[in-house]
Amino acid sequence: MDSKELVKEWFYKWGKGDFLNLPISENFKHTSPFGTIDGKKTYLDLVKENQDKFLGYVFEIHDGIYGTHKACVRYTAKQGDDFGLDVSEWYYIKDNLIEKIFSYYHIGEVRDERKLENPKGN
């Protein structure tokens, strides 16, 4: 299975709520702004305990770059009418399974000291 089909299967399984059958390796690692989850069992246990936060999303894929053993996808995940998250993810593939994901998204308010100033006169 090529990287595009594997990532398509990843999103399909999530969209159906079929997280127990995600195409991930036993030593899967998921890194996000929340930290790194190490191992398939740990990842699936976390999802199972927090299904309200992980399931029920509709995904709008905006862009994708697909290589032999990796892919990058930019998408919007929407859960219900009041929550949306813009995400970019890198997928690393080994033996036709996703072995690592690096996920990039904003998880909170920007601290005052990090806010950009508007130029004077605008």
PDB file of N, CA and C in Angstrom:
ATOM      1  N   MET A   1       0.854  -1.173   0.000  1.00  0.00           N
ATOM      2  CA  MET A   1       0.000   0.000   0.000  1.00  0.00           C
ATOM      3  C   MET A   1       0.906   1.245   0.000  1.00  0.00           C
ATOM      4  N   ASP A   2       0.614   2.207  -0.865  1.00  0.00           N
ATOM      5  CA  ASP A   2       1.442   3.417  -0.893  1.00  0.00           C
ATOM      6  C   ASP A   2       1.021   4.381   0.216  1.00  0.00           C
ATOM      7  N   SER A   3       1.841   5.409   0.425  1.00  0.00           N
ATOM      8  CA  SER A   3       1.610   6.331   1.549  1.00  0.00           C
ATOM      9  C   SER A   3       0.267   7.047   1.439  1.00  0.00           C
ATOM     10  N   LYS A   4      -0.148   7.396   0.243  1.00  0.00           N
ATOM     11  CA  LYS A   4      -1.425   8.096   0.070  1.00  0.00           C
ATOM     12  C   LYS A   4      -2.591   7.200   0.491  1.00  0.00           C
ATOM     13  N   GLU A   5      -2.571   5.955   0.093  1.00  0.00           N
ATOM     14  CA  GLU A   5      -3.638   5.025   0.470  1.00  0.00           C
ATOM     15  C   GLU A   5      -3.631   4.741   1.973  1.00  0.00           C
ATOM     16  N   LEU A   6      -2.443   4.637   2.560  1.00  0.00           N
ATOM     17  CA  LEU A   6      -2.342   4.374   3.995  1.00  0.00           C
ATOM     18  C   LEU A   6      -2.891   5.545   4.812  1.00  0.00           C
ATOM     19  N   VAL A   7      -2.539   6.756   4.415  1.00  0.00           N
ATOM     20  CA  VAL A   7      -3.056   7.939   5.120  1.00  0.00           C
ATOM     21  C   VAL A   7      -4.571   8.063   4.902  1.00  0.00           C
ATOM     22  N   LYS A   8      -5.025   7.736   3.717  1.00  0.00           N
ATOM     23  CA  LYS A   8      -6.468   7.747   3.441  1.00  0.00           C
ATOM     24  C   LYS A   8      -7.188   6.756   4.365  1.00  0.00           C
ATOM     25  N   GLU A   9      -6.593   5.584   4.569  1.00  0.00           N
ATOM     26  CA  GLU A   9      -7.170   4.595   5.483  1.00  0.00           C
ATOM     27  C   GLU A   9      -7.189   5.129   6.918  1.00  0.00           C
ATOM     28  N   TRP A  10      -6.115   5.809   7.334  1.00  0.00           N
ATOM     29  CA  TRP A  10      -6.033   6.432   8.671  1.00  0.00           C
ATOM     30  C   TRP A  10      -7.240   7.346   8.898  1.00  0.00           C
ATOM     31  N   PHE A  11      -7.484   8.252   7.953  1.00  0.00           N
ATOM     32  CA  PHE A  11      -8.603   9.188   8.095  1.00  0.00           C
ATOM     33  C   PHE A  11      -9.956   8.478   8.020  1.00  0.00           C
ATOM     34  N   TYR A  12     -10.057   7.476   7.174  1.00  0.00           N
ATOM     35  CA  TYR A  12     -11.306   6.711   7.066  1.00  0.00           C
ATOM     36  C   TYR A  12     -11.645   6.042   8.396  1.00  0.00           C
ATOM     37  N   LYS A  13     -10.649   5.389   8.996  1.00  0.00           N
ATOM     38  CA  LYS A  13     -10.877   4.706  10.283  1.00  0.00           C
ATOM     39  C   LYS A  13     -11.288   5.715  11.360  1.00  0.00           C
ATOM     40  N   TRP A  14     -10.599   6.860  11.421  1.00  0.00           N
ATOM     41  CA  TRP A  14     -10.970   7.881  12.404  1.00  0.00           C
ATOM     42  C   TRP A  14     -12.392   8.380  12.152  1.00  0.00           C
ATOM     43  N   GLY A  15     -12.738   8.626  10.908  1.00  0.00           N
ATOM     44  CA  GLY A  15     -14.073   9.119  10.568  1.00  0.00           C
ATOM     45  C   GLY A  15     -15.176   8.155  10.965  1.00  0.00           C
ATOM     46  N   LYS A  16     -14.883   6.863  10.948  1.00  0.00           N
ATOM     47  CA  LYS A  16     -15.847   5.831  11.336  1.00  0.00           C
ATOM     48  C   LYS A  16     -15.792   5.511  12.830  1.00  0.00           C
ATOM     49  N   GLY A  17     -14.823   6.083  13.549  1.00  0.00           N
ATOM     50  CA  GLY A  17     -14.668   5.781  14.969  1.00  0.00           C
ATOM     51  C   GLY A  17     -14.015   4.436  15.228  1.00  0.00           C
ATOM     52  N   ASP A  18     -13.367   3.885  14.206  1.00  0.00           N
ATOM     53  CA  ASP A  18     -12.753   2.557  14.281  1.00  0.00           C
ATOM     54  C   ASP A  18     -11.287   2.661  14.711  1.00  0.00           C
ATOM     55  N   PHE A  19     -11.050   3.295  15.857  1.00  0.00           N
ATOM     56  CA  PHE A  19      -9.677   3.558  16.287  1.00  0.00           C
ATOM     57  C   PHE A  19      -8.911   2.297  16.671  1.00  0.00           C
ATOM     58  N   LEU A  20      -9.592   1.213  16.997  1.00  0.00           N
ATOM     59  CA  LEU A  20      -8.894  -0.024  17.375  1.00  0.00           C
ATOM     60  C   LEU A  20      -8.226  -0.701  16.182  1.00  0.00           C
ATOM     61  N   ASN A  21      -8.610  -0.304  14.968  1.00  0.00           N
ATOM     62  CA  ASN A  21      -8.043  -0.904  13.765  1.00  0.00           C
ATOM     63  C   ASN A  21      -7.245   0.085  12.921  1.00  0.00           C
ATOM     64  N   LEU A  22      -6.693   1.101  13.553  1.00  0.00           N
ATOM     65  CA  LEU A  22      -5.859   2.051  12.832  1.00  0.00           C
ATOM     66  C   LEU A  22      -4.627   1.337  12.276  1.00  0.00           C
ATOM     67  N   PRO A  23      -4.142   1.767  11.114  1.00  0.00           N
ATOM     68  CA  PRO A  23      -2.977   1.113  10.503  1.00  0.00           C
ATOM     69  C   PRO A  23      -1.658   1.605  11.118  1.00  0.00           C
ATOM     70  N   ILE A  24      -1.440   1.258  12.389  1.00  0.00           N
ATOM     71  CA  ILE A  24      -0.250   1.715  13.105  1.00  0.00           C
ATOM     72  C   ILE A  24       0.558   0.523  13.608  1.00  0.00           C
ATOM     73  N   SER A  25       1.862   0.737  13.728  1.00  0.00           N
ATOM     74  CA  SER A  25       2.764  -0.322  14.176  1.00  0.00           C
ATOM     75  C   SER A  25       2.686  -0.479  15.696  1.00  0.00           C
ATOM     76  N   GLU A  26       3.210  -1.572  16.203  1.00  0.00           N
ATOM     77  CA  GLU A  26       3.236  -1.826  17.646  1.00  0.00           C
ATOM     78  C   GLU A  26       4.053  -0.771  18.388  1.00  0.00           C
ATOM     79  N   ASN A  27       5.115  -0.270  17.745  1.00  0.00           N
ATOM     80  CA  ASN A  27       5.960   0.738  18.389  1.00  0.00           C
ATOM     81  C   ASN A  27       5.641   2.149  17.884  1.00  0.00           C
ATOM     82  N   PHE A  28       4.384   2.368  17.533  1.00  0.00           N
ATOM     83  CA  PHE A  28       3.883   3.662  17.064  1.00  0.00           C
ATOM     84  C   PHE A  28       4.184   4.775  18.067  1.00  0.00           C
ATOM     85  N   LYS A  29       4.563   5.941  17.534  1.00  0.00           N
ATOM     86  CA  LYS A  29       4.765   7.133  18.358  1.00  0.00           C
ATOM     87  C   LYS A  29       3.989   8.288  17.740  1.00  0.00           C
ATOM     88  N   HIS A  30       3.284   9.024  18.592  1.00  0.00           N
ATOM     89  CA  HIS A  30       2.543  10.207  18.133  1.00  0.00           C
ATOM     90  C   HIS A  30       3.019  11.404  18.944  1.00  0.00           C
ATOM     91  N   THR A  31       3.576  12.376  18.252  1.00  0.00           N
ATOM     92  CA  THR A  31       4.069  13.588  18.893  1.00  0.00           C
ATOM     93  C   THR A  31       3.199  14.761  18.466  1.00  0.00           C
ATOM     94  N   SER A  32       2.736  15.528  19.461  1.00  0.00           N
ATOM     95  CA  SER A  32       1.875  16.688  19.223  1.00  0.00           C
ATOM     96  C   SER A  32       2.253  17.772  20.233  1.00  0.00           C
ATOM     97  N   PRO A  33       1.577  18.921  20.194  1.00  0.00           N
ATOM     98  CA  PRO A  33       1.842  19.941  21.222  1.00  0.00           C
ATOM     99  C   PRO A  33       1.605  19.445  22.652  1.00  0.00           C
ATOM    100  N   PHE A  34       0.902  18.334  22.821  1.00  0.00           N
ATOM    101  CA  PHE A  34       0.663  17.778  24.146  1.00  0.00           C
ATOM    102  C   PHE A  34       1.787  16.858  24.614  1.00  0.00           C
ATOM    103  N   GLY A  35       2.709  16.505  23.730  1.00  0.00           N
ATOM    104  CA  GLY A  35       3.805  15.610  24.085  1.00  0.00           C
ATOM    105  C   GLY A  35       3.838  14.398  23.177  1.00  0.00           C
ATOM    106  N   THR A  36       4.586  13.378  23.584  1.00  0.00           N
ATOM    107  CA  THR A  36       4.728  12.156  22.785  1.00  0.00           C
ATOM    108  C   THR A  36       4.050  10.988  23.487  1.00  0.00           C
ATOM    109  N   ILE A  37       3.254  10.271  22.723  1.00  0.00           N
ATOM    110  CA  ILE A  37       2.629   9.036  23.186  1.00  0.00           C
ATOM    111  C   ILE A  37       3.426   7.909  22.546  1.00  0.00           C
ATOM    112  N   ASP A  38       3.950   7.029  23.363  1.00  0.00           N
ATOM    113  CA  ASP A  38       4.882   6.003  22.906  1.00  0.00           C
ATOM    114  C   ASP A  38       4.250   4.614  22.993  1.00  0.00           C
ATOM    115  N   GLY A  39       4.024   3.995  21.832  1.00  0.00           N
ATOM    116  CA  GLY A  39       3.489   2.638  21.773  1.00  0.00           C
ATOM    117  C   GLY A  39       2.031   2.588  21.366  1.00  0.00           C
ATOM    118  N   LYS A  40       1.697   1.594  20.549  1.00  0.00           N
ATOM    119  CA  LYS A  40       0.320   1.415  20.065  1.00  0.00           C
ATOM    120  C   LYS A  40      -0.653   1.232  21.221  1.00  0.00           C
ATOM    121  N   LYS A  41      -0.330   0.371  22.163  1.00  0.00           N
ATOM    122  CA  LYS A  41      -1.239   0.099  23.278  1.00  0.00           C
ATOM    123  C   LYS A  41      -1.502   1.369  24.087  1.00  0.00           C
ATOM    124  N   THR A  42      -0.449   2.118  24.392  1.00  0.00           N
ATOM    125  CA  THR A  42      -0.598   3.361  25.150  1.00  0.00           C
ATOM    126  C   THR A  42      -1.491   4.344  24.394  1.00  0.00           C
ATOM    127  N   TYR A  43      -1.262   4.462  23.090  1.00  0.00           N
ATOM    128  CA  TYR A  43      -2.053   5.365  22.254  1.00  0.00           C
ATOM    129  C   TYR A  43      -3.529   4.956  22.253  1.00  0.00           C
ATOM    130  N   LEU A  44      -3.793   3.684  21.996  1.00  0.00           N
ATOM    131  CA  LEU A  44      -5.183   3.217  21.928  1.00  0.00           C
ATOM    132  C   LEU A  44      -5.878   3.306  23.283  1.00  0.00           C
ATOM    133  N   ASP A  45      -5.144   3.038  24.360  1.00  0.00           N
ATOM    134  CA  ASP A  45      -5.722   3.185  25.703  1.00  0.00           C
ATOM    135  C   ASP A  45      -6.112   4.639  25.970  1.00  0.00           C
ATOM    136  N   LEU A  46      -5.263   5.575  25.570  1.00  0.00           N
ATOM    137  CA  LEU A  46      -5.551   6.997  25.754  1.00  0.00           C
ATOM    138  C   LEU A  46      -6.804   7.401  24.977  1.00  0.00           C
ATOM    139  N   VAL A  47      -6.902   6.951  23.736  1.00  0.00           N
ATOM    140  CA  VAL A  47      -8.082   7.262  22.927  1.00  0.00           C
ATOM    141  C   VAL A  47      -9.335   6.666  23.571  1.00  0.00           C
ATOM    142  N   LYS A  48      -9.233   5.414  24.002  1.00  0.00           N
ATOM    143  CA  LYS A  48     -10.386   4.736  24.609  1.00  0.00           C
ATOM    144  C   LYS A  48     -10.890   5.483  25.841  1.00  0.00           C
ATOM    145  N   GLU A  49      -9.974   5.988  26.657  1.00  0.00           N
ATOM    146  CA  GLU A  49     -10.338   6.710  27.876  1.00  0.00           C
ATOM    147  C   GLU A  49     -10.838   8.131  27.600  1.00  0.00           C
ATOM    148  N   ASN A  50     -10.583   8.648  26.397  1.00  0.00           N
ATOM    149  CA  ASN A  50     -10.941  10.029  26.052  1.00  0.00           C
ATOM    150  C   ASN A  50     -11.694  10.095  24.727  1.00  0.00           C
ATOM    151  N   GLN A  51     -12.598   9.177  24.516  1.00  0.00           N
ATOM    152  CA  GLN A  51     -13.295   9.101  23.239  1.00  0.00           C
ATOM    153  C   GLN A  51     -14.027  10.392  22.885  1.00  0.00           C
ATOM    154  N   ASP A  52     -14.534  11.104  23.881  1.00  0.00           N
ATOM    155  CA  ASP A  52     -15.242  12.353  23.613  1.00  0.00           C
ATOM    156  C   ASP A  52     -14.339  13.400  22.975  1.00  0.00           C
ATOM    157  N   LYS A  53     -13.048  13.310  23.204  1.00  0.00           N
ATOM    158  CA  LYS A  53     -12.090  14.271  22.636  1.00  0.00           C
ATOM    159  C   LYS A  53     -11.489  13.789  21.315  1.00  0.00           C
ATOM    160  N   PHE A  54     -11.520  12.489  21.065  1.00  0.00           N
ATOM    161  CA  PHE A  54     -10.874  11.917  19.879  1.00  0.00           C
ATOM    162  C   PHE A  54     -11.841  11.542  18.766  1.00  0.00           C
ATOM    163  N   LEU A  55     -13.070  11.201  19.098  1.00  0.00           N
ATOM    164  CA  LEU A  55     -13.993  10.677  18.089  1.00  0.00           C
ATOM    165  C   LEU A  55     -15.037  11.721  17.698  1.00  0.00           C
ATOM    166  N   GLY A  56     -15.717  11.437  16.592  1.00  0.00           N
ATOM    167  CA  GLY A  56     -16.793  12.315  16.132  1.00  0.00           C
ATOM    168  C   GLY A  56     -16.326  13.451  15.247  1.00  0.00           C
ATOM    169  N   TYR A  57     -15.148  13.316  14.662  1.00  0.00           N
ATOM    170  CA  TYR A  57     -14.627  14.368  13.792  1.00  0.00           C
ATOM    171  C   TYR A  57     -14.993  14.118  12.334  1.00  0.00           C
ATOM    172  N   VAL A  58     -15.135  15.212  11.612  1.00  0.00           N
ATOM    173  CA  VAL A  58     -15.226  15.206  10.159  1.00  0.00           C
ATOM    174  C   VAL A  58     -13.955  15.895   9.683  1.00  0.00           C
ATOM    175  N   PHE A  59     -13.287  15.299   8.700  1.00  0.00           N
ATOM    176  CA  PHE A  59     -11.997  15.817   8.242  1.00  0.00           C
ATOM    177  C   PHE A  59     -12.120  16.416   6.851  1.00  0.00           C
ATOM    178  N   GLU A  60     -11.590  17.620   6.726  1.00  0.00           N
ATOM    179  CA  GLU A  60     -11.499  18.277   5.420  1.00  0.00           C
ATOM    180  C   GLU A  60     -10.014  18.351   5.062  1.00  0.00           C
ATOM    181  N   ILE A  61      -9.608  17.544   4.097  1.00  0.00           N
ATOM    182  CA  ILE A  61      -8.209  17.495   3.671  1.00  0.00           C
ATOM    183  C   ILE A  61      -7.969  18.649   2.699  1.00  0.00           C
ATOM    184  N   HIS A  62      -6.955  19.465   2.990  1.00  0.00           N
ATOM    185  CA  HIS A  62      -6.636  20.607   2.130  1.00  0.00           C
ATOM    186  C   HIS A  62      -5.486  20.310   1.178  1.00  0.00           C
ATOM    187  N   ASP A  63      -4.436  19.696   1.691  1.00  0.00           N
ATOM    188  CA  ASP A  63      -3.235  19.425   0.898  1.00  0.00           C
ATOM    189  C   ASP A  63      -2.597  18.131   1.368  1.00  0.00           C
ATOM    190  N   GLY A  64      -1.852  17.511   0.478  1.00  0.00           N
ATOM    191  CA  GLY A  64      -1.084  16.342   0.863  1.00  0.00           C
ATOM    192  C   GLY A  64       0.142  16.194  -0.010  1.00  0.00           C
ATOM    193  N   ILE A  65       1.216  15.782   0.589  1.00  0.00           N
ATOM    194  CA  ILE A  65       2.455  15.458  -0.117  1.00  0.00           C
ATOM    195  C   ILE A  65       2.775  14.017   0.262  1.00  0.00           C
ATOM    196  N   TYR A  66       2.969  13.170  -0.743  1.00  0.00           N
ATOM    197  CA  TYR A  66       3.125  11.745  -0.477  1.00  0.00           C
ATOM    198  C   TYR A  66       4.430  11.230  -1.080  1.00  0.00           C
ATOM    199  N   GLY A  67       5.231  10.593  -0.235  1.00  0.00           N
ATOM    200  CA  GLY A  67       6.486   9.994  -0.674  1.00  0.00           C
ATOM    201  C   GLY A  67       6.450   8.494  -0.467  1.00  0.00           C
ATOM    202  N   THR A  68       7.592   7.862  -0.636  1.00  0.00           N
ATOM    203  CA  THR A  68       7.673   6.414  -0.515  1.00  0.00           C
ATOM    204  C   THR A  68       7.413   5.939   0.910  1.00  0.00           C
ATOM    205  N   HIS A  69       8.035   6.591   1.886  1.00  0.00           N
ATOM    206  CA  HIS A  69       7.913   6.156   3.279  1.00  0.00           C
ATOM    207  C   HIS A  69       7.437   7.264   4.214  1.00  0.00           C
ATOM    208  N   LYS A  70       6.910   8.344   3.646  1.00  0.00           N
ATOM    209  CA  LYS A  70       6.386   9.413   4.482  1.00  0.00           C
ATOM    210  C   LYS A  70       5.375  10.225   3.696  1.00  0.00           C
ATOM    211  N   ALA A  71       4.589  10.988   4.457  1.00  0.00           N
ATOM    212  CA  ALA A  71       3.579  11.855   3.866  1.00  0.00           C
ATOM    213  C   ALA A  71       3.365  13.042   4.793  1.00  0.00           C
ATOM    214  N   CYS A  72       2.853  14.126   4.239  1.00  0.00           N
ATOM    215  CA  CYS A  72       2.475  15.285   5.030  1.00  0.00           C
ATOM    216  C   CYS A  72       1.089  15.716   4.553  1.00  0.00           C
ATOM    217  N   VAL A  73       0.191  15.934   5.507  1.00  0.00           N
ATOM    218  CA  VAL A  73      -1.186  16.304   5.181  1.00  0.00           C
ATOM    219  C   VAL A  73      -1.590  17.506   6.023  1.00  0.00           C
ATOM    220  N   ARG A  74      -2.241  18.466   5.366  1.00  0.00           N
ATOM    221  CA  ARG A  74      -2.819  19.626   6.058  1.00  0.00           C
ATOM    222  C   ARG A  74      -4.328  19.486   5.977  1.00  0.00           C
ATOM    223  N   TYR A  75      -4.990  19.582   7.138  1.00  0.00           N
ATOM    224  CA  TYR A  75      -6.429  19.369   7.164  1.00  0.00           C
ATOM    225  C   TYR A  75      -7.081  20.178   8.280  1.00  0.00           C
ATOM    226  N   THR A  76      -8.412  20.255   8.212  1.00  0.00           N
ATOM    227  CA  THR A  76      -9.218  20.810   9.295  1.00  0.00           C
ATOM    228  C   THR A  76     -10.069  19.681   9.854  1.00  0.00           C
ATOM    229  N   ALA A  77     -10.015  19.531  11.166  1.00  0.00           N
ATOM    230  CA  ALA A  77     -10.834  18.535  11.869  1.00  0.00           C
ATOM    231  C   ALA A  77     -11.963  19.282  12.562  1.00  0.00           C
ATOM    232  N   LYS A  78     -13.196  18.895  12.277  1.00  0.00           N
ATOM    233  CA  LYS A  78     -14.360  19.541  12.890  1.00  0.00           C
ATOM    234  C   LYS A  78     -15.119  18.523  13.721  1.00  0.00           C
ATOM    235  N   GLN A  79     -15.437  18.929  14.955  1.00  0.00           N
ATOM    236  CA  GLN A  79     -16.208  18.086  15.862  1.00  0.00           C
ATOM    237  C   GLN A  79     -17.421  18.891  16.300  1.00  0.00           C
ATOM    238  N   GLY A  80     -18.596  18.466  15.849  1.00  0.00           N
ATOM    239  CA  GLY A  80     -19.805  19.215  16.154  1.00  0.00           C
ATOM    240  C   GLY A  80     -19.820  20.556  15.447  1.00  0.00           C
ATOM    241  N   ASP A  81     -20.653  21.463  15.942  1.00  0.00           N
ATOM    242  CA  ASP A  81     -20.804  22.768  15.310  1.00  0.00           C
ATOM    243  C   ASP A  81     -19.858  23.825  15.864  1.00  0.00           C
ATOM    244  N   ASP A  82     -19.205  23.547  16.998  1.00  0.00           N
ATOM    245  CA  ASP A  82     -18.460  24.616  17.653  1.00  0.00           C
ATOM    246  C   ASP A  82     -16.975  24.343  17.871  1.00  0.00           C
ATOM    247  N   PHE A  83     -16.430  23.268  17.257  1.00  0.00           N
ATOM    248  CA  PHE A  83     -15.005  23.022  17.440  1.00  0.00           C
ATOM    249  C   PHE A  83     -14.354  22.645  16.123  1.00  0.00           C
ATOM    250  N   GLY A  84     -13.287  23.347  15.795  1.00  0.00           N
ATOM    251  CA  GLY A  84     -12.494  23.045  14.605  1.00  0.00           C
ATOM    252  C   GLY A  84     -11.024  23.227  14.915  1.00  0.00           C
ATOM    253  N   LEU A  85     -10.197  22.420  14.282  1.00  0.00           N
ATOM    254  CA  LEU A  85      -8.763  22.454  14.526  1.00  0.00           C
ATOM    255  C   LEU A  85      -8.042  22.321  13.195  1.00  0.00           C
ATOM    256  N   ASP A  86      -7.191  23.304  12.882  1.00  0.00           N
ATOM    257  CA  ASP A  86      -6.367  23.243  11.679  1.00  0.00           C
ATOM    258  C   ASP A  86      -5.067  22.551  12.027  1.00  0.00           C
ATOM    259  N   VAL A  87      -4.733  21.497  11.262  1.00  0.00           N
ATOM    260  CA  VAL A  87      -3.628  20.607  11.603  1.00  0.00           C
ATOM    261  C   VAL A  87      -2.747  20.355  10.391  1.00  0.00           C
ATOM    262  N   SER A  88      -1.449  20.246  10.636  1.00  0.00           N
ATOM    263  CA  SER A  88      -0.498  19.698   9.666  1.00  0.00           C
ATOM    264  C   SER A  88       0.178  18.520  10.339  1.00  0.00           C
ATOM    265  N   GLU A  89       0.252  17.392   9.624  1.00  0.00           N
ATOM    266  CA  GLU A  89       0.851  16.194  10.204  1.00  0.00           C
ATOM    267  C   GLU A  89       1.820  15.550   9.230  1.00  0.00           C
ATOM    268  N   TRP A  90       2.914  15.066   9.800  1.00  0.00           N
ATOM    269  CA  TRP A  90       3.874  14.242   9.072  1.00  0.00           C
ATOM    270  C   TRP A  90       3.675  12.799   9.505  1.00  0.00           C
ATOM    271  N   TYR A  91       3.579  11.904   8.543  1.00  0.00           N
ATOM    272  CA  TYR A  91       3.410  10.470   8.778  1.00  0.00           C
ATOM    273  C   TYR A  91       4.659   9.758   8.279  1.00  0.00           C
ATOM    274  N   TYR A  92       5.226   8.888   9.096  1.00  0.00           N
ATOM    275  CA  TYR A  92       6.388   8.084   8.723  1.00  0.00           C
ATOM    276  C   TYR A  92       5.967   6.625   8.713  1.00  0.00           C
ATOM    277  N   ILE A  93       6.276   5.939   7.621  1.00  0.00           N
ATOM    278  CA  ILE A  93       5.725   4.617   7.342  1.00  0.00           C
ATOM    279  C   ILE A  93       6.831   3.571   7.285  1.00  0.00           C
ATOM    280  N   LYS A  94       6.542   2.412   7.888  1.00  0.00           N
ATOM    281  CA  LYS A  94       7.459   1.276   7.824  1.00  0.00           C
ATOM    282  C   LYS A  94       6.626   0.001   7.735  1.00  0.00           C
ATOM    283  N   ASP A  95       6.955  -0.871   6.802  1.00  0.00           N
ATOM    284  CA  ASP A  95       6.256  -2.151   6.621  1.00  0.00           C
ATOM    285  C   ASP A  95       4.747  -1.968   6.471  1.00  0.00           C
ATOM    286  N   ASN A  96       4.352  -0.986   5.679  1.00  0.00           N
ATOM    287  CA  ASN A  96       2.944  -0.704   5.369  1.00  0.00           C
ATOM    288  C   ASN A  96       2.097  -0.319   6.575  1.00  0.00           C
ATOM    289  N   LEU A  97       2.745   0.186   7.620  1.00  0.00           N
ATOM    290  CA  LEU A  97       2.035   0.715   8.786  1.00  0.00           C
ATOM    291  C   LEU A  97       2.617   2.074   9.145  1.00  0.00           C
ATOM    292  N   ILE A  98       1.797   2.910   9.770  1.00  0.00           N
ATOM    293  CA  ILE A  98       2.288   4.198  10.246  1.00  0.00           C
ATOM    294  C   ILE A  98       3.066   3.953  11.525  1.00  0.00           C
ATOM    295  N   GLU A  99       4.326   4.366  11.511  1.00  0.00           N
ATOM    296  CA  GLU A  99       5.188   4.150  12.672  1.00  0.00           C
ATOM    297  C   GLU A  99       5.303   5.393  13.547  1.00  0.00           C
ATOM    298  N   LYS A 100       5.267   6.578  12.916  1.00  0.00           N
ATOM    299  CA  LYS A 100       5.373   7.834  13.667  1.00  0.00           C
ATOM    300  C   LYS A 100       4.502   8.888  13.014  1.00  0.00           C
ATOM    301  N   ILE A 101       3.955   9.757  13.872  1.00  0.00           N
ATOM    302  CA  ILE A 101       3.251  10.948  13.394  1.00  0.00           C
ATOM    303  C   ILE A 101       3.748  12.129  14.214  1.00  0.00           C
ATOM    304  N   PHE A 102       4.036  13.223  13.506  1.00  0.00           N
ATOM    305  CA  PHE A 102       4.332  14.504  14.144  1.00  0.00           C
ATOM    306  C   PHE A 102       3.205  15.441  13.745  1.00  0.00           C
ATOM    307  N   SER A 103       2.448  15.907  14.734  1.00  0.00           N
ATOM    308  CA  SER A 103       1.250  16.690  14.509  1.00  0.00           C
ATOM    309  C   SER A 103       1.459  18.116  15.006  1.00  0.00           C
ATOM    310  N   TYR A 104       1.116  19.090  14.166  1.00  0.00           N
ATOM    311  CA  TYR A 104       1.308  20.499  14.488  1.00  0.00           C
ATOM    312  C   TYR A 104      -0.030  21.234  14.444  1.00  0.00           C
ATOM    313  N   TYR A 105      -0.375  21.880  15.575  1.00  0.00           N
ATOM    314  CA  TYR A 105      -1.584  22.691  15.667  1.00  0.00           C
ATOM    315  C   TYR A 105      -1.491  23.582  16.894  1.00  0.00           C
ATOM    316  N   HIS A 106      -2.351  24.583  16.940  1.00  0.00           N
ATOM    317  CA  HIS A 106      -2.371  25.541  18.044  1.00  0.00           C
ATOM    318  C   HIS A 106      -3.324  25.031  19.123  1.00  0.00           C
ATOM    319  N   ILE A 107      -2.894  25.035  20.392  1.00  0.00           N
ATOM    320  CA  ILE A 107      -3.722  24.452  21.450  1.00  0.00           C
ATOM    321  C   ILE A 107      -4.236  25.450  22.476  1.00  0.00           C
ATOM    322  N   GLY A 108      -4.027  26.728  22.266  1.00  0.00           N
ATOM    323  CA  GLY A 108      -4.544  27.655  23.266  1.00  0.00           C
ATOM    324  C   GLY A 108      -4.319  29.099  22.878  1.00  0.00           C
ATOM    325  N   GLU A 109      -4.641  29.953  23.802  1.00  0.00           N
ATOM    326  CA  GLU A 109      -4.483  31.383  23.584  1.00  0.00           C
ATOM    327  C   GLU A 109      -3.005  31.755  23.505  1.00  0.00           C
ATOM    328  N   VAL A 110      -2.731  32.797  22.736  1.00  0.00           N
ATOM    329  CA  VAL A 110      -1.370  33.311  22.633  1.00  0.00           C
ATOM    330  C   VAL A 110      -1.109  34.190  23.856  1.00  0.00           C
ATOM    331  N   ARG A 111      -0.009  33.910  24.550  1.00  0.00           N
ATOM    332  CA  ARG A 111       0.355  34.719  25.719  1.00  0.00           C
ATOM    333  C   ARG A 111       0.578  36.169  25.280  1.00  0.00           C
ATOM    334  N   ASP A 112       0.256  37.108  26.165  1.00  0.00           N
ATOM    335  CA  ASP A 112       0.386  38.532  25.845  1.00  0.00           C
ATOM    336  C   ASP A 112       1.780  38.884  25.337  1.00  0.00           C
ATOM    337  N   GLU A 113       2.816  38.343  25.958  1.00  0.00           N
ATOM    338  CA  GLU A 113       4.182  38.700  25.557  1.00  0.00           C
ATOM    339  C   GLU A 113       4.562  38.133  24.184  1.00  0.00           C
ATOM    340  N   ARG A 114       3.748  37.224  23.631  1.00  0.00           N
ATOM    341  CA  ARG A 114       4.016  36.638  22.318  1.00  0.00           C
ATOM    342  C   ARG A 114       3.150  37.244  21.214  1.00  0.00           C
ATOM    343  N   LYS A 115       2.193  38.118  21.579  1.00  0.00           N
ATOM    344  CA  LYS A 115       1.308  38.730  20.593  1.00  0.00           C
ATOM    345  C   LYS A 115       2.077  39.746  19.762  1.00  0.00           C
ATOM    346  N   LEU A 116       1.708  39.841  18.481  1.00  0.00           N
ATOM    347  CA  LEU A 116       2.333  40.802  17.588  1.00  0.00           C
ATOM    348  C   LEU A 116       1.710  42.163  17.761  1.00  0.00           C
ATOM    349  N   GLU A 117       2.513  43.181  17.677  1.00  0.00           N
ATOM    350  CA  GLU A 117       2.036  44.560  17.776  1.00  0.00           C
ATOM    351  C   GLU A 117       1.623  45.034  16.392  1.00  0.00           C
ATOM    352  N   ASN A 118       0.558  45.833  16.336  1.00  0.00           N
ATOM    353  CA  ASN A 118       0.180  46.475  15.076  1.00  0.00           C
ATOM    354  C   ASN A 118       1.074  47.677  14.864  1.00  0.00           C
ATOM    355  N   PRO A 119       1.579  47.885  13.628  1.00  0.00           N
ATOM    356  CA  PRO A 119       2.382  49.085  13.378  1.00  0.00           C
ATOM    357  C   PRO A 119       1.550  50.341  13.609  1.00  0.00           C
ATOM    358  N   LYS A 120       2.189  51.379  14.120  1.00  0.00           N
ATOM    359  CA  LYS A 120       1.471  52.647  14.347  1.00  0.00           C
ATOM    360  C   LYS A 120       0.971  53.202  13.047  1.00  0.00           C
ATOM    361  N   GLY A 121      -0.222  53.760  13.126  1.00  0.00           N
ATOM    362  CA  GLY A 121      -0.817  54.371  11.932  1.00  0.00           C
ATOM    363  C   GLY A 121      -1.737  53.430  11.184  1.00  0.00           C
ATOM    364  N   ASN A 122      -1.820  52.181  11.577  1.00  0.00           N
ATOM    365  CA  ASN A 122      -2.717  51.217  10.894  1.00  0.00           C
ATOM    366  C   ASN A 122      -3.912  50.902  11.739  1.00  0.00           C
TER     367      ASN A 122
END
